[in-house]
N, C-alpha and C. Protein backbone atom coordinates (compact mmCIF):
# COMPACT_ATOMS: atom_id res chain seq x y z
N MET A 1 0.85 -1.17 0.00
CA MET A 1 0.00 0.00 0.00
C MET A 1 0.90 1.23 0.00
N HIS A 2 0.57 2.17 -0.84
CA HIS A 2 1.34 3.41 -0.90
C HIS A 2 1.21 4.13 0.45
N PRO A 3 2.32 4.66 0.98
CA PRO A 3 2.27 5.32 2.29
C PRO A 3 1.24 6.45 2.41
N VAL A 4 1.05 7.21 1.36
CA VAL A 4 0.06 8.31 1.43
C VAL A 4 -1.35 7.73 1.53
N THR A 5 -1.63 6.65 0.82
CA THR A 5 -2.93 5.99 0.92
C THR A 5 -3.17 5.53 2.35
N HIS A 6 -2.13 4.96 2.95
CA HIS A 6 -2.22 4.50 4.33
C HIS A 6 -2.48 5.69 5.27
N MET A 7 -1.79 6.80 5.05
CA MET A 7 -1.99 7.99 5.87
C MET A 7 -3.43 8.48 5.77
N LYS A 8 -3.98 8.46 4.57
CA LYS A 8 -5.35 8.93 4.36
C LYS A 8 -6.35 8.04 5.10
N LEU A 9 -6.12 6.71 5.10
CA LEU A 9 -7.00 5.82 5.85
C LEU A 9 -6.93 6.12 7.35
N LEU A 10 -5.73 6.32 7.85
CA LEU A 10 -5.56 6.65 9.26
C LEU A 10 -6.24 7.97 9.61
N ILE A 11 -6.09 8.95 8.74
CA ILE A 11 -6.72 10.26 8.98
C ILE A 11 -8.24 10.14 8.95
N ASN A 12 -8.78 9.36 8.00
CA ASN A 12 -10.23 9.14 7.96
C ASN A 12 -10.71 8.54 9.28
N LEU A 13 -9.97 7.57 9.80
CA LEU A 13 -10.36 6.96 11.06
C LEU A 13 -10.29 7.97 12.20
N ALA A 14 -9.21 8.74 12.25
CA ALA A 14 -9.06 9.75 13.30
C ALA A 14 -10.19 10.76 13.26
N GLN A 15 -10.69 11.07 12.09
CA GLN A 15 -11.76 12.05 11.93
C GLN A 15 -13.15 11.45 12.12
N ALA A 16 -13.25 10.14 12.23
CA ALA A 16 -14.55 9.46 12.27
C ALA A 16 -15.42 9.89 13.45
N ASP A 17 -14.81 10.23 14.57
CA ASP A 17 -15.60 10.63 15.74
C ASP A 17 -15.80 12.13 15.82
N GLY A 18 -15.41 12.85 14.77
CA GLY A 18 -15.67 14.28 14.71
C GLY A 18 -14.52 15.16 15.18
N LYS A 19 -13.52 14.57 15.81
CA LYS A 19 -12.37 15.36 16.24
C LYS A 19 -11.12 14.48 16.22
N VAL A 20 -9.97 15.10 15.99
CA VAL A 20 -8.71 14.38 15.96
C VAL A 20 -7.95 14.74 17.24
N ALA A 21 -7.75 13.75 18.10
CA ALA A 21 -7.01 13.96 19.34
C ALA A 21 -5.52 14.14 19.02
N GLU A 22 -4.83 14.83 19.90
CA GLU A 22 -3.40 15.09 19.70
C GLU A 22 -2.59 13.79 19.62
N ARG A 23 -2.94 12.81 20.45
CA ARG A 23 -2.24 11.52 20.41
C ARG A 23 -2.46 10.83 19.07
N GLU A 24 -3.67 10.96 18.52
CA GLU A 24 -3.95 10.37 17.21
C GLU A 24 -3.10 11.03 16.14
N LYS A 25 -3.06 12.35 16.19
CA LYS A 25 -2.27 13.11 15.21
C LYS A 25 -0.79 12.73 15.30
N ASN A 26 -0.25 12.63 16.51
CA ASN A 26 1.16 12.27 16.68
C ASN A 26 1.45 10.86 16.19
N TYR A 27 0.53 9.94 16.44
CA TYR A 27 0.67 8.56 15.96
C TYR A 27 0.77 8.54 14.43
N ILE A 28 -0.13 9.26 13.79
CA ILE A 28 -0.15 9.29 12.32
C ILE A 28 1.13 9.94 11.79
N ILE A 29 1.56 11.02 12.40
CA ILE A 29 2.79 11.69 11.96
C ILE A 29 3.99 10.76 12.11
N ASN A 30 4.05 10.00 13.21
CA ASN A 30 5.16 9.06 13.40
C ASN A 30 5.16 7.95 12.36
N ILE A 31 3.99 7.45 12.01
CA ILE A 31 3.93 6.44 10.95
C ILE A 31 4.36 7.05 9.63
N GLY A 32 3.94 8.27 9.37
CA GLY A 32 4.37 8.96 8.15
C GLY A 32 5.88 9.12 8.09
N ARG A 33 6.47 9.57 9.19
CA ARG A 33 7.93 9.72 9.25
C ARG A 33 8.63 8.40 8.94
N ALA A 34 8.12 7.31 9.53
CA ALA A 34 8.72 5.99 9.31
C ALA A 34 8.64 5.57 7.84
N ASN A 35 7.71 6.17 7.11
CA ASN A 35 7.54 5.85 5.69
C ASN A 35 8.05 6.96 4.78
N GLY A 36 8.86 7.87 5.33
CA GLY A 36 9.49 8.90 4.51
C GLY A 36 8.60 10.07 4.13
N ILE A 37 7.53 10.29 4.87
CA ILE A 37 6.64 11.42 4.59
C ILE A 37 6.89 12.48 5.66
N TYR A 38 7.15 13.69 5.24
CA TYR A 38 7.44 14.78 6.17
C TYR A 38 6.19 15.21 6.92
N PRO A 39 6.36 15.61 8.19
CA PRO A 39 5.21 16.04 8.99
C PRO A 39 4.36 17.14 8.34
N ASP A 40 4.99 18.09 7.64
CA ASP A 40 4.20 19.16 7.03
C ASP A 40 3.32 18.61 5.90
N GLN A 41 3.77 17.55 5.23
CA GLN A 41 2.93 16.92 4.20
C GLN A 41 1.72 16.25 4.85
N ILE A 42 1.93 15.64 6.00
CA ILE A 42 0.84 14.97 6.71
C ILE A 42 -0.13 16.00 7.28
N GLN A 43 0.41 17.08 7.83
CA GLN A 43 -0.45 18.15 8.38
C GLN A 43 -1.44 18.63 7.31
N ALA A 44 -0.97 18.77 6.09
CA ALA A 44 -1.84 19.22 5.00
C ALA A 44 -2.97 18.22 4.76
N LEU A 45 -2.71 16.93 4.95
CA LEU A 45 -3.73 15.91 4.74
C LEU A 45 -4.86 15.99 5.77
N PHE A 46 -4.55 16.50 6.96
CA PHE A 46 -5.57 16.63 8.00
C PHE A 46 -6.63 17.67 7.64
N GLN A 47 -6.33 18.55 6.71
CA GLN A 47 -7.24 19.63 6.36
C GLN A 47 -8.30 19.22 5.35
N LYS A 48 -8.24 17.97 4.88
CA LYS A 48 -9.14 17.52 3.81
C LYS A 48 -9.88 16.25 4.20
N GLN A 49 -10.97 16.01 3.50
CA GLN A 49 -11.66 14.73 3.57
C GLN A 49 -11.09 13.86 2.45
N HIS A 50 -10.92 12.58 2.71
CA HIS A 50 -10.32 11.70 1.72
C HIS A 50 -11.25 10.55 1.38
N GLU A 51 -11.25 10.20 0.12
CA GLU A 51 -11.99 9.03 -0.32
C GLU A 51 -11.34 7.80 0.30
N VAL A 52 -12.15 6.84 0.73
CA VAL A 52 -11.61 5.62 1.33
C VAL A 52 -11.21 4.67 0.21
N ILE A 53 -9.90 4.53 0.03
CA ILE A 53 -9.37 3.66 -1.01
C ILE A 53 -8.53 2.58 -0.36
N VAL A 54 -8.89 1.33 -0.62
CA VAL A 54 -8.13 0.19 -0.13
C VAL A 54 -7.69 -0.61 -1.36
N PRO A 55 -6.38 -0.60 -1.66
CA PRO A 55 -5.90 -1.36 -2.82
C PRO A 55 -6.26 -2.83 -2.70
N GLU A 56 -6.53 -3.44 -3.83
CA GLU A 56 -6.98 -4.83 -3.84
C GLU A 56 -5.85 -5.85 -3.87
N ASN A 57 -4.69 -5.47 -4.34
CA ASN A 57 -3.63 -6.45 -4.57
C ASN A 57 -2.55 -6.43 -3.49
N LEU A 58 -2.95 -6.27 -2.24
CA LEU A 58 -2.00 -6.22 -1.14
C LEU A 58 -1.60 -7.64 -0.71
N GLU A 59 -0.37 -7.77 -0.28
CA GLU A 59 0.11 -9.03 0.28
C GLU A 59 -0.49 -9.19 1.68
N PRO A 60 -0.59 -10.43 2.18
CA PRO A 60 -1.15 -10.64 3.53
C PRO A 60 -0.44 -9.82 4.62
N ASP A 61 0.88 -9.67 4.54
CA ASP A 61 1.60 -8.86 5.53
C ASP A 61 1.17 -7.40 5.47
N GLN A 62 0.96 -6.87 4.27
CA GLN A 62 0.52 -5.49 4.11
C GLN A 62 -0.89 -5.31 4.66
N LYS A 63 -1.74 -6.28 4.43
CA LYS A 63 -3.11 -6.23 4.95
C LYS A 63 -3.09 -6.19 6.47
N PHE A 64 -2.27 -7.06 7.06
CA PHE A 64 -2.17 -7.09 8.52
C PHE A 64 -1.63 -5.77 9.05
N ASP A 65 -0.56 -5.26 8.46
CA ASP A 65 0.01 -4.00 8.92
C ASP A 65 -1.00 -2.87 8.87
N CYS A 66 -1.80 -2.84 7.81
CA CYS A 66 -2.81 -1.81 7.65
C CYS A 66 -3.87 -1.89 8.74
N ILE A 67 -4.47 -3.07 8.90
CA ILE A 67 -5.57 -3.18 9.88
C ILE A 67 -5.03 -3.06 11.30
N CYS A 68 -3.84 -3.54 11.55
CA CYS A 68 -3.25 -3.43 12.88
C CYS A 68 -3.00 -1.96 13.24
N SER A 69 -2.48 -1.19 12.31
CA SER A 69 -2.23 0.22 12.59
C SER A 69 -3.54 0.99 12.80
N LEU A 70 -4.58 0.61 12.08
CA LEU A 70 -5.88 1.25 12.27
C LEU A 70 -6.43 0.96 13.67
N VAL A 71 -6.29 -0.28 14.11
CA VAL A 71 -6.79 -0.63 15.44
C VAL A 71 -5.94 0.05 16.52
N GLN A 72 -4.62 0.13 16.31
CA GLN A 72 -3.78 0.85 17.26
C GLN A 72 -4.23 2.30 17.39
N LEU A 73 -4.50 2.92 16.26
CA LEU A 73 -4.96 4.30 16.27
C LEU A 73 -6.31 4.42 16.98
N MET A 74 -7.21 3.49 16.70
CA MET A 74 -8.53 3.53 17.32
C MET A 74 -8.41 3.43 18.84
N LYS A 75 -7.46 2.66 19.33
CA LYS A 75 -7.32 2.44 20.77
C LYS A 75 -6.44 3.47 21.46
N ILE A 76 -5.76 4.31 20.70
CA ILE A 76 -4.75 5.20 21.27
C ILE A 76 -5.30 6.21 22.27
N ASP A 77 -6.53 6.67 22.06
CA ASP A 77 -7.10 7.64 23.00
C ASP A 77 -7.94 6.96 24.09
N GLU A 78 -7.82 5.63 24.16
CA GLU A 78 -8.47 4.82 25.18
C GLU A 78 -9.99 4.88 25.14
N ARG A 79 -10.51 5.31 24.01
CA ARG A 79 -11.96 5.30 23.78
C ARG A 79 -12.19 4.77 22.38
N MET A 80 -13.16 3.90 22.27
CA MET A 80 -13.50 3.39 20.94
C MET A 80 -14.94 3.79 20.64
N TYR A 81 -15.09 4.64 19.66
CA TYR A 81 -16.40 5.12 19.26
C TYR A 81 -17.00 4.19 18.21
N GLN A 82 -18.32 4.12 18.19
CA GLN A 82 -19.02 3.27 17.22
C GLN A 82 -18.58 3.58 15.78
N GLU A 83 -18.40 4.87 15.49
CA GLU A 83 -18.00 5.26 14.13
C GLU A 83 -16.64 4.67 13.78
N GLU A 84 -15.74 4.67 14.76
CA GLU A 84 -14.40 4.12 14.53
C GLU A 84 -14.45 2.61 14.33
N ILE A 85 -15.25 1.95 15.14
CA ILE A 85 -15.38 0.49 15.02
C ILE A 85 -15.98 0.12 13.67
N ARG A 86 -17.01 0.86 13.26
CA ARG A 86 -17.63 0.59 11.95
C ARG A 86 -16.63 0.82 10.82
N PHE A 87 -15.84 1.90 10.92
CA PHE A 87 -14.84 2.22 9.90
C PHE A 87 -13.81 1.09 9.81
N CYS A 88 -13.27 0.68 10.95
CA CYS A 88 -12.26 -0.40 10.96
C CYS A 88 -12.85 -1.71 10.43
N SER A 89 -14.08 -1.98 10.79
CA SER A 89 -14.73 -3.19 10.32
C SER A 89 -14.88 -3.17 8.80
N ALA A 90 -15.29 -2.03 8.26
CA ALA A 90 -15.44 -1.91 6.80
C ALA A 90 -14.10 -2.07 6.09
N ILE A 91 -13.03 -1.49 6.66
CA ILE A 91 -11.71 -1.63 6.05
C ILE A 91 -11.25 -3.07 6.13
N ALA A 92 -11.48 -3.73 7.26
CA ALA A 92 -11.10 -5.14 7.40
C ALA A 92 -11.74 -5.98 6.31
N VAL A 93 -13.03 -5.74 6.05
CA VAL A 93 -13.73 -6.48 5.01
C VAL A 93 -13.13 -6.16 3.64
N LYS A 94 -12.84 -4.88 3.38
CA LYS A 94 -12.24 -4.51 2.09
C LYS A 94 -10.86 -5.13 1.91
N LEU A 95 -10.18 -5.36 3.03
CA LEU A 95 -8.86 -6.01 2.97
C LEU A 95 -8.97 -7.51 2.76
N GLY A 96 -10.18 -8.05 2.91
CA GLY A 96 -10.38 -9.48 2.69
C GLY A 96 -10.51 -10.31 3.96
N TYR A 97 -10.70 -9.64 5.09
CA TYR A 97 -10.88 -10.35 6.35
C TYR A 97 -12.36 -10.56 6.63
N ASP A 98 -12.67 -11.58 7.44
CA ASP A 98 -14.00 -11.69 8.02
C ASP A 98 -14.10 -10.61 9.08
N GLN A 99 -15.30 -10.09 9.30
CA GLN A 99 -15.49 -9.02 10.28
C GLN A 99 -15.04 -9.42 11.68
N GLU A 100 -15.10 -10.70 12.00
CA GLU A 100 -14.73 -11.18 13.34
C GLU A 100 -13.28 -10.88 13.69
N VAL A 101 -12.44 -10.62 12.69
CA VAL A 101 -11.03 -10.32 12.95
C VAL A 101 -10.90 -9.10 13.85
N LEU A 102 -11.84 -8.18 13.74
CA LEU A 102 -11.76 -6.95 14.52
C LEU A 102 -11.81 -7.22 16.02
N PHE A 103 -12.61 -8.18 16.44
CA PHE A 103 -12.69 -8.51 17.86
C PHE A 103 -11.34 -9.04 18.36
N GLU A 104 -10.72 -9.89 17.58
CA GLU A 104 -9.41 -10.44 17.94
C GLU A 104 -8.38 -9.32 18.04
N LEU A 105 -8.41 -8.41 17.09
CA LEU A 105 -7.47 -7.30 17.09
C LEU A 105 -7.72 -6.36 18.27
N MET A 106 -8.97 -6.07 18.55
CA MET A 106 -9.27 -5.15 19.65
C MET A 106 -8.84 -5.74 20.98
N LEU A 107 -8.87 -7.06 21.11
CA LEU A 107 -8.43 -7.70 22.34
C LEU A 107 -6.92 -7.67 22.53
N HIS A 108 -6.17 -7.76 21.43
CA HIS A 108 -4.73 -8.00 21.54
C HIS A 108 -3.82 -6.86 21.09
N VAL A 109 -4.32 -5.92 20.33
CA VAL A 109 -3.47 -4.83 19.85
C VAL A 109 -3.23 -3.84 20.99
N LYS A 110 -1.96 -3.43 21.12
CA LYS A 110 -1.57 -2.44 22.13
C LYS A 110 -0.79 -1.33 21.44
N ASP A 111 -0.62 -0.21 22.16
CA ASP A 111 0.17 0.91 21.62
C ASP A 111 1.55 0.45 21.20
N GLU A 112 2.23 -0.24 22.10
CA GLU A 112 3.58 -0.75 21.85
C GLU A 112 3.50 -2.27 21.80
N MET A 113 3.97 -2.85 20.72
CA MET A 113 3.96 -4.30 20.60
C MET A 113 5.33 -4.78 20.17
N THR A 114 5.76 -5.89 20.77
CA THR A 114 7.03 -6.49 20.37
C THR A 114 6.85 -7.18 19.03
N ASP A 115 7.95 -7.48 18.39
CA ASP A 115 7.88 -8.21 17.11
C ASP A 115 7.22 -9.57 17.30
N THR A 116 7.50 -10.22 18.44
CA THR A 116 6.90 -11.52 18.72
C THR A 116 5.40 -11.42 18.89
N GLU A 117 4.95 -10.39 19.61
CA GLU A 117 3.50 -10.19 19.79
C GLU A 117 2.82 -9.95 18.45
N LYS A 118 3.44 -9.13 17.62
CA LYS A 118 2.86 -8.86 16.29
C LYS A 118 2.83 -10.13 15.44
N ALA A 119 3.92 -10.89 15.47
CA ALA A 119 3.98 -12.14 14.69
C ALA A 119 2.90 -13.12 15.15
N ASP A 120 2.73 -13.25 16.46
CA ASP A 120 1.70 -14.14 16.99
C ASP A 120 0.30 -13.68 16.58
N LEU A 121 0.06 -12.37 16.66
CA LEU A 121 -1.24 -11.83 16.28
C LEU A 121 -1.48 -11.99 14.78
N LYS A 122 -0.43 -11.81 14.00
CA LYS A 122 -0.55 -11.97 12.55
C LYS A 122 -0.96 -13.41 12.21
N LYS A 123 -0.39 -14.35 12.92
CA LYS A 123 -0.71 -15.76 12.71
C LYS A 123 -2.17 -16.02 13.03
N VAL A 124 -2.65 -15.49 14.16
CA VAL A 124 -4.05 -15.68 14.57
C VAL A 124 -4.99 -15.02 13.58
N THR A 125 -4.69 -13.79 13.19
CA THR A 125 -5.60 -13.06 12.30
C THR A 125 -5.59 -13.61 10.88
N SER A 126 -4.53 -14.31 10.50
CA SER A 126 -4.48 -14.89 9.14
C SER A 126 -5.59 -15.91 8.94
N GLN A 127 -6.08 -16.48 10.04
CA GLN A 127 -7.18 -17.43 9.95
C GLN A 127 -8.48 -16.75 9.50
N PHE A 128 -8.58 -15.46 9.70
CA PHE A 128 -9.77 -14.69 9.31
C PHE A 128 -9.66 -14.13 7.89
N LEU A 129 -8.51 -14.34 7.26
CA LEU A 129 -8.30 -13.81 5.91
C LEU A 129 -8.93 -14.77 4.91
N LYS A 130 -9.84 -14.25 4.11
CA LYS A 130 -10.51 -15.08 3.09
C LYS A 130 -9.51 -15.39 1.99
N LYS A 131 -9.57 -16.58 1.50
CA LYS A 131 -8.62 -17.01 0.45
C LYS A 131 -9.03 -16.52 -0.90
């Protein structure tokens, strides 16, 4: 998935409850930095509404990274709004997961995760990926 597309999905989720918390904004900026996108480029994206685009030809690892980062963002402010849950559920389905994957992710995703925790969760969630 192109990094800007990923940023737009994260921004759409952050905006789903009507306001973007500072922790949400910082999380998105940090992901952007990790993908070579400058903070000022990301700041500009917060000023717009974005069409929800989920590429169809993603590898399973890319699908997991996408949905995992969305759930991390949803949980970052320690509140999960219905709009956010619906948004993540719709993206999970567009990525090719059964909707039930969201419950597994909401139970196990944390702000900070070790590589082992992510690998274990990826293995569990792969069972929800439609072939």
